[in-house]
């Protein structure tokens, strides 16, 4: 469920840019 994945990653990044940001980079590569 890729669309939902990006929403949750956006929430994670909003709270902590390193936790959510690096996860977003890894997910983008995947």
ModelCIF file with pLDDT and N, C-alpha, C, O atoms, coordinates in Angstrom:
data_MODEL
#
_entry.id   MODEL 
#
_entity.id                         1 
_entity.type                       polymer 
_entity.pdbx_number_of_molecules   1 
#
_entity_poly.entity_id                      1 
_entity_poly.type                           'polypeptide(L)' 
_entity_poly.nstd_linkage                   no 
_entity_poly.nstd_monomer                   no 
_entity_poly.pdbx_seq_one_letter_code       
;(UNK)(UNK)(UNK)(UNK)(UNK)(UNK)(UNK)(UNK)(UNK)(UNK)(UNK)(UNK)(UNK)(UNK)(UNK)(UNK)
(UNK)(UNK)(UNK)(UNK)(UNK)(UNK)(UNK)(UNK)(UNK)(UNK)(UNK)(UNK)(UNK)(UNK)
;
_entity_poly.pdbx_seq_one_letter_code_can   XXXXXXXXXXXXXXXXXXXXXXXXXXXXXX 
_entity_poly.pdbx_strand_id                 A 
#
loop_
_entity_poly_seq.entity_id 
_entity_poly_seq.num 
_entity_poly_seq.mon_id 
_entity_poly_seq.hetero 
1 1  UNK n 
1 2  UNK n 
1 3  UNK n 
1 4  UNK n 
1 5  UNK n 
1 6  UNK n 
1 7  UNK n 
1 8  UNK n 
1 9  UNK n 
1 10 UNK n 
1 11 UNK n 
1 12 UNK n 
1 13 UNK n 
1 14 UNK n 
1 15 UNK n 
1 16 UNK n 
1 17 UNK n 
1 18 UNK n 
1 19 UNK n 
1 20 UNK n 
1 21 UNK n 
1 22 UNK n 
1 23 UNK n 
1 24 UNK n 
1 25 UNK n 
1 26 UNK n 
1 27 UNK n 
1 28 UNK n 
1 29 UNK n 
1 30 UNK n 
#
_struct_asym.id          A 
_struct_asym.entity_id   1 
#
loop_
_ma_qa_metric.id 
_ma_qa_metric.mode 
_ma_qa_metric.name 
_ma_qa_metric.software_group_id 
_ma_qa_metric.type 
1 global pLDDT . pLDDT 
2 local  pLDDT . pLDDT 
#
_ma_qa_metric_global.metric_id      1 
_ma_qa_metric_global.metric_value   95.87 
_ma_qa_metric_global.model_id       1 
_ma_qa_metric_global.ordinal_id     1 
#
loop_
_ma_qa_metric_local.label_asym_id 
_ma_qa_metric_local.label_comp_id 
_ma_qa_metric_local.label_seq_id 
_ma_qa_metric_local.metric_id 
_ma_qa_metric_local.metric_value 
_ma_qa_metric_local.model_id 
_ma_qa_metric_local.ordinal_id 
A UNK 1  2 95.00 1 1  
A UNK 2  2 94.00 1 2  
A UNK 3  2 95.00 1 3  
A UNK 4  2 97.00 1 4  
A UNK 5  2 97.00 1 5  
A UNK 6  2 97.00 1 6  
A UNK 7  2 97.00 1 7  
A UNK 8  2 98.00 1 8  
A UNK 9  2 98.00 1 9  
A UNK 10 2 97.00 1 10 
A UNK 11 2 97.00 1 11 
A UNK 12 2 97.00 1 12 
A UNK 13 2 97.00 1 13 
A UNK 14 2 96.00 1 14 
A UNK 15 2 96.00 1 15 
A UNK 16 2 95.00 1 16 
A UNK 17 2 95.00 1 17 
A UNK 18 2 94.00 1 18 
A UNK 19 2 95.00 1 19 
A UNK 20 2 96.00 1 20 
A UNK 21 2 96.00 1 21 
A UNK 22 2 96.00 1 22 
A UNK 23 2 97.00 1 23 
A UNK 24 2 96.00 1 24 
A UNK 25 2 96.00 1 25 
A UNK 26 2 96.00 1 26 
A UNK 27 2 96.00 1 27 
A UNK 28 2 95.00 1 28 
A UNK 29 2 94.00 1 29 
A UNK 30 2 91.00 1 30 
#
loop_
_atom_site.group_PDB 
_atom_site.id 
_atom_site.type_symbol 
_atom_site.label_atom_id 
_atom_site.label_alt_id 
_atom_site.label_comp_id 
_atom_site.label_asym_id 
_atom_site.label_entity_id 
_atom_site.label_seq_id 
_atom_site.pdbx_PDB_ins_code 
_atom_site.Cartn_x 
_atom_site.Cartn_y 
_atom_site.Cartn_z 
_atom_site.occupancy 
_atom_site.B_iso_or_equiv 
_atom_site.pdbx_formal_charge 
_atom_site.auth_seq_id 
_atom_site.auth_comp_id 
_atom_site.auth_asym_id 
_atom_site.auth_atom_id 
_atom_site.pdbx_PDB_model_num 
ATOM 1   N N  . UNK A 1 1  ? 0.874  -1.185 0.000  1.00 95.00 ? 1  UNK A N  1 
ATOM 2   C CA . UNK A 1 1  ? 0.000  0.000  0.000  1.00 95.00 ? 1  UNK A CA 1 
ATOM 3   C C  . UNK A 1 1  ? 0.906  1.229  0.000  1.00 95.00 ? 1  UNK A C  1 
ATOM 4   O O  . UNK A 1 1  ? 1.122  1.858  1.036  1.00 95.00 ? 1  UNK A O  1 
ATOM 5   N N  . UNK A 1 2  ? 1.424  1.553  -1.164 1.00 94.00 ? 2  UNK A N  1 
ATOM 6   C CA . UNK A 1 2  ? 2.455  2.573  -1.267 1.00 94.00 ? 2  UNK A CA 1 
ATOM 7   C C  . UNK A 1 2  ? 1.964  3.964  -0.884 1.00 94.00 ? 2  UNK A C  1 
ATOM 8   O O  . UNK A 1 2  ? 2.694  4.718  -0.240 1.00 94.00 ? 2  UNK A O  1 
ATOM 9   N N  . UNK A 1 3  ? 0.753  4.312  -1.266 1.00 95.00 ? 3  UNK A N  1 
ATOM 10  C CA . UNK A 1 3  ? 0.248  5.649  -0.940 1.00 95.00 ? 3  UNK A CA 1 
ATOM 11  C C  . UNK A 1 3  ? 0.150  5.855  0.564  1.00 95.00 ? 3  UNK A C  1 
ATOM 12  O O  . UNK A 1 3  ? 0.512  6.916  1.071  1.00 95.00 ? 3  UNK A O  1 
ATOM 13  N N  . UNK A 1 4  ? -0.335 4.851  1.275  1.00 97.00 ? 4  UNK A N  1 
ATOM 14  C CA . UNK A 1 4  ? -0.424 4.942  2.736  1.00 97.00 ? 4  UNK A CA 1 
ATOM 15  C C  . UNK A 1 4  ? 0.970  4.988  3.343  1.00 97.00 ? 4  UNK A C  1 
ATOM 16  O O  . UNK A 1 4  ? 1.201  5.678  4.336  1.00 97.00 ? 4  UNK A O  1 
ATOM 17  N N  . UNK A 1 5  ? 1.906  4.241  2.735  1.00 97.00 ? 5  UNK A N  1 
ATOM 18  C CA . UNK A 1 5  ? 3.284  4.241  3.226  1.00 97.00 ? 5  UNK A CA 1 
ATOM 19  C C  . UNK A 1 5  ? 3.863  5.644  3.243  1.00 97.00 ? 5  UNK A C  1 
ATOM 20  O O  . UNK A 1 5  ? 4.493  6.042  4.223  1.00 97.00 ? 5  UNK A O  1 
ATOM 21  N N  . UNK A 1 6  ? 3.659  6.405  2.164  1.00 97.00 ? 6  UNK A N  1 
ATOM 22  C CA . UNK A 1 6  ? 4.217  7.762  2.093  1.00 97.00 ? 6  UNK A CA 1 
ATOM 23  C C  . UNK A 1 6  ? 3.576  8.684  3.125  1.00 97.00 ? 6  UNK A C  1 
ATOM 24  O O  . UNK A 1 6  ? 4.237  9.578  3.655  1.00 97.00 ? 6  UNK A O  1 
ATOM 25  N N  . UNK A 1 7  ? 2.288  8.472  3.414  1.00 97.00 ? 7  UNK A N  1 
ATOM 26  C CA . UNK A 1 7  ? 1.615  9.301  4.417  1.00 97.00 ? 7  UNK A CA 1 
ATOM 27  C C  . UNK A 1 7  ? 2.246  9.076  5.790  1.00 97.00 ? 7  UNK A C  1 
ATOM 28  O O  . UNK A 1 7  ? 2.565  10.032 6.497  1.00 97.00 ? 7  UNK A O  1 
ATOM 29  N N  . UNK A 1 8  ? 2.425  7.802  6.165  1.00 98.00 ? 8  UNK A N  1 
ATOM 30  C CA . UNK A 1 8  ? 3.036  7.504  7.465  1.00 98.00 ? 8  UNK A CA 1 
ATOM 31  C C  . UNK A 1 8  ? 4.474  8.000  7.531  1.00 98.00 ? 8  UNK A C  1 
ATOM 32  O O  . UNK A 1 8  ? 4.907  8.498  8.570  1.00 98.00 ? 8  UNK A O  1 
ATOM 33  N N  . UNK A 1 9  ? 5.212  7.874  6.449  1.00 98.00 ? 9  UNK A N  1 
ATOM 34  C CA . UNK A 1 9  ? 6.587  8.374  6.436  1.00 98.00 ? 9  UNK A CA 1 
ATOM 35  C C  . UNK A 1 9  ? 6.612  9.890  6.571  1.00 98.00 ? 9  UNK A C  1 
ATOM 36  O O  . UNK A 1 9  ? 7.502  10.444 7.216  1.00 98.00 ? 9  UNK A O  1 
ATOM 37  N N  . UNK A 1 10 ? 5.641  10.560 5.967  1.00 97.00 ? 10 UNK A N  1 
ATOM 38  C CA . UNK A 1 10 ? 5.547  12.005 6.136  1.00 97.00 ? 10 UNK A CA 1 
ATOM 39  C C  . UNK A 1 10 ? 5.289  12.389 7.577  1.00 97.00 ? 10 UNK A C  1 
ATOM 40  O O  . UNK A 1 10 ? 5.854  13.366 8.069  1.00 97.00 ? 10 UNK A O  1 
ATOM 41  N N  . UNK A 1 11 ? 4.434  11.627 8.268  1.00 97.00 ? 11 UNK A N  1 
ATOM 42  C CA . UNK A 1 11 ? 4.180  11.879 9.684  1.00 97.00 ? 11 UNK A CA 1 
ATOM 43  C C  . UNK A 1 11 ? 5.443  11.654 10.508 1.00 97.00 ? 11 UNK A C  1 
ATOM 44  O O  . UNK A 1 11 ? 5.755  12.438 11.404 1.00 97.00 ? 11 UNK A O  1 
ATOM 45  N N  . UNK A 1 12 ? 6.163  10.581 10.202 1.00 97.00 ? 12 UNK A N  1 
ATOM 46  C CA . UNK A 1 12 ? 7.407  10.305 10.926 1.00 97.00 ? 12 UNK A CA 1 
ATOM 47  C C  . UNK A 1 12 ? 8.415  11.429 10.734 1.00 97.00 ? 12 UNK A C  1 
ATOM 48  O O  . UNK A 1 12 ? 9.073  11.848 11.686 1.00 97.00 ? 12 UNK A O  1 
ATOM 49  N N  . UNK A 1 13 ? 8.535  11.915 9.508  1.00 97.00 ? 13 UNK A N  1 
ATOM 50  C CA . UNK A 1 13 ? 9.474  12.989 9.212  1.00 97.00 ? 13 UNK A CA 1 
ATOM 51  C C  . UNK A 1 13 ? 9.071  14.279 9.899  1.00 97.00 ? 13 UNK A C  1 
ATOM 52  O O  . UNK A 1 13 ? 9.934  15.043 10.332 1.00 97.00 ? 13 UNK A O  1 
ATOM 53  N N  . UNK A 1 14 ? 7.772  14.534 10.007 1.00 96.00 ? 14 UNK A N  1 
ATOM 54  C CA . UNK A 1 14 ? 7.306  15.748 10.664 1.00 96.00 ? 14 UNK A CA 1 
ATOM 55  C C  . UNK A 1 14 ? 7.722  15.780 12.132 1.00 96.00 ? 14 UNK A C  1 
ATOM 56  O O  . UNK A 1 14 ? 8.022  16.843 12.675 1.00 96.00 ? 14 UNK A O  1 
ATOM 57  N N  . UNK A 1 15 ? 7.737  14.613 12.771 1.00 96.00 ? 15 UNK A N  1 
ATOM 58  C CA . UNK A 1 15 ? 8.120  14.568 14.179 1.00 96.00 ? 15 UNK A CA 1 
ATOM 59  C C  . UNK A 1 15 ? 9.636  14.510 14.364 1.00 96.00 ? 15 UNK A C  1 
ATOM 60  O O  . UNK A 1 15 ? 10.170 15.133 15.281 1.00 96.00 ? 15 UNK A O  1 
ATOM 61  N N  . UNK A 1 16 ? 10.332 13.767 13.503 1.00 95.00 ? 16 UNK A N  1 
ATOM 62  C CA . UNK A 1 16 ? 11.786 13.650 13.644 1.00 95.00 ? 16 UNK A CA 1 
ATOM 63  C C  . UNK A 1 16 ? 12.382 13.481 12.247 1.00 95.00 ? 16 UNK A C  1 
ATOM 64  O O  . UNK A 1 16 ? 12.225 12.440 11.608 1.00 95.00 ? 16 UNK A O  1 
ATOM 65  N N  . UNK A 1 17 ? 13.066 14.527 11.793 1.00 95.00 ? 17 UNK A N  1 
ATOM 66  C CA . UNK A 1 17 ? 13.502 14.559 10.396 1.00 95.00 ? 17 UNK A CA 1 
ATOM 67  C C  . UNK A 1 17 ? 14.516 13.467 10.080 1.00 95.00 ? 17 UNK A C  1 
ATOM 68  O O  . UNK A 1 17 ? 14.565 12.986 8.948  1.00 95.00 ? 17 UNK A O  1 
ATOM 69  N N  . UNK A 1 18 ? 15.326 13.066 11.057 1.00 94.00 ? 18 UNK A N  1 
ATOM 70  C CA . UNK A 1 18 ? 16.319 12.028 10.777 1.00 94.00 ? 18 UNK A CA 1 
ATOM 71  C C  . UNK A 1 18 ? 15.670 10.648 10.690 1.00 94.00 ? 18 UNK A C  1 
ATOM 72  O O  . UNK A 1 18 ? 15.953 9.886  9.766  1.00 94.00 ? 18 UNK A O  1 
ATOM 73  N N  . UNK A 1 19 ? 14.805 10.326 11.645 1.00 95.00 ? 19 UNK A N  1 
ATOM 74  C CA . UNK A 1 19 ? 14.129 9.026  11.617 1.00 95.00 ? 19 UNK A CA 1 
ATOM 75  C C  . UNK A 1 19 ? 13.277 8.890  10.362 1.00 95.00 ? 19 UNK A C  1 
ATOM 76  O O  . UNK A 1 19 ? 13.414 7.926  9.609  1.00 95.00 ? 19 UNK A O  1 
ATOM 77  N N  . UNK A 1 20 ? 12.397 9.862  10.143 1.00 96.00 ? 20 UNK A N  1 
ATOM 78  C CA . UNK A 1 20 ? 11.512 9.780  8.987  1.00 96.00 ? 20 UNK A CA 1 
ATOM 79  C C  . UNK A 1 20 ? 12.220 10.049 7.678  1.00 96.00 ? 20 UNK A C  1 
ATOM 80  O O  . UNK A 1 20 ? 11.909 9.429  6.661  1.00 96.00 ? 20 UNK A O  1 
ATOM 81  N N  . UNK A 1 21 ? 13.174 10.974 7.694  1.00 96.00 ? 21 UNK A N  1 
ATOM 82  C CA . UNK A 1 21 ? 13.864 11.329 6.453  1.00 96.00 ? 21 UNK A CA 1 
ATOM 83  C C  . UNK A 1 21 ? 14.675 10.192 5.880  1.00 96.00 ? 21 UNK A C  1 
ATOM 84  O O  . UNK A 1 21 ? 14.587 9.895  4.689  1.00 96.00 ? 21 UNK A O  1 
ATOM 85  N N  . UNK A 1 22 ? 15.470 9.550  6.732  1.00 96.00 ? 22 UNK A N  1 
ATOM 86  C CA . UNK A 1 22 ? 16.275 8.424  6.239  1.00 96.00 ? 22 UNK A CA 1 
ATOM 87  C C  . UNK A 1 22 ? 15.395 7.251  5.825  1.00 96.00 ? 22 UNK A C  1 
ATOM 88  O O  . UNK A 1 22 ? 15.697 6.553  4.857  1.00 96.00 ? 22 UNK A O  1 
ATOM 89  N N  . UNK A 1 23 ? 14.299 7.035  6.564  1.00 97.00 ? 23 UNK A N  1 
ATOM 90  C CA . UNK A 1 23 ? 13.364 5.971  6.172  1.00 97.00 ? 23 UNK A CA 1 
ATOM 91  C C  . UNK A 1 23 ? 12.735 6.276  4.824  1.00 97.00 ? 23 UNK A C  1 
ATOM 92  O O  . UNK A 1 23 ? 12.507 5.372  4.021  1.00 97.00 ? 23 UNK A O  1 
ATOM 93  N N  . UNK A 1 24 ? 12.452 7.559  4.571  1.00 96.00 ? 24 UNK A N  1 
ATOM 94  C CA . UNK A 1 24 ? 11.871 7.945  3.289  1.00 96.00 ? 24 UNK A CA 1 
ATOM 95  C C  . UNK A 1 24 ? 12.867 7.732  2.152  1.00 96.00 ? 24 UNK A C  1 
ATOM 96  O O  . UNK A 1 24 ? 12.488 7.305  1.061  1.00 96.00 ? 24 UNK A O  1 
ATOM 97  N N  . UNK A 1 25 ? 14.139 8.030  2.409  1.00 96.00 ? 25 UNK A N  1 
ATOM 98  C CA . UNK A 1 25 ? 15.176 7.788  1.395  1.00 96.00 ? 25 UNK A CA 1 
ATOM 99  C C  . UNK A 1 25 ? 15.275 6.294  1.082  1.00 96.00 ? 25 UNK A C  1 
ATOM 100 O O  . UNK A 1 25 ? 15.320 5.901  -0.083 1.00 96.00 ? 25 UNK A O  1 
ATOM 101 N N  . UNK A 1 26 ? 15.308 5.460  2.137  1.00 96.00 ? 26 UNK A N  1 
ATOM 102 C CA . UNK A 1 26 ? 15.410 4.010  1.935  1.00 96.00 ? 26 UNK A CA 1 
ATOM 103 C C  . UNK A 1 26 ? 14.187 3.472  1.200  1.00 96.00 ? 26 UNK A C  1 
ATOM 104 O O  . UNK A 1 26 ? 14.309 2.621  0.319  1.00 96.00 ? 26 UNK A O  1 
ATOM 105 N N  . UNK A 1 27 ? 13.000 3.974  1.568  1.00 96.00 ? 27 UNK A N  1 
ATOM 106 C CA . UNK A 1 27 ? 11.781 3.524  0.901  1.00 96.00 ? 27 UNK A CA 1 
ATOM 107 C C  . UNK A 1 27 ? 11.748 3.983  -0.552 1.00 96.00 ? 27 UNK A C  1 
ATOM 108 O O  . UNK A 1 27 ? 11.283 3.253  -1.427 1.00 96.00 ? 27 UNK A O  1 
ATOM 109 N N  . UNK A 1 28 ? 12.243 5.197  -0.810 1.00 95.00 ? 28 UNK A N  1 
ATOM 110 C CA . UNK A 1 28 ? 12.311 5.682  -2.186 1.00 95.00 ? 28 UNK A CA 1 
ATOM 111 C C  . UNK A 1 28 ? 13.209 4.812  -3.044 1.00 95.00 ? 28 UNK A C  1 
ATOM 112 O O  . UNK A 1 28 ? 12.888 4.532  -4.199 1.00 95.00 ? 28 UNK A O  1 
ATOM 113 N N  . UNK A 1 29 ? 14.345 4.378  -2.480 1.00 94.00 ? 29 UNK A N  1 
ATOM 114 C CA . UNK A 1 29 ? 15.238 3.475  -3.217 1.00 94.00 ? 29 UNK A CA 1 
ATOM 115 C C  . UNK A 1 29 ? 14.546 2.148  -3.504 1.00 94.00 ? 29 UNK A C  1 
ATOM 116 O O  . UNK A 1 29 ? 14.666 1.599  -4.600 1.00 94.00 ? 29 UNK A O  1 
ATOM 117 N N  . UNK A 1 30 ? 13.821 1.636  -2.507 1.00 91.00 ? 30 UNK A N  1 
ATOM 118 C CA . UNK A 1 30 ? 13.089 0.384  -2.713 1.00 91.00 ? 30 UNK A CA 1 
ATOM 119 C C  . UNK A 1 30 ? 12.026 0.538  -3.793 1.00 91.00 ? 30 UNK A C  1 
ATOM 120 O O  . UNK A 1 30 ? 11.313 -0.417 -4.098 1.00 91.00 ? 30 UNK A O  1 
#
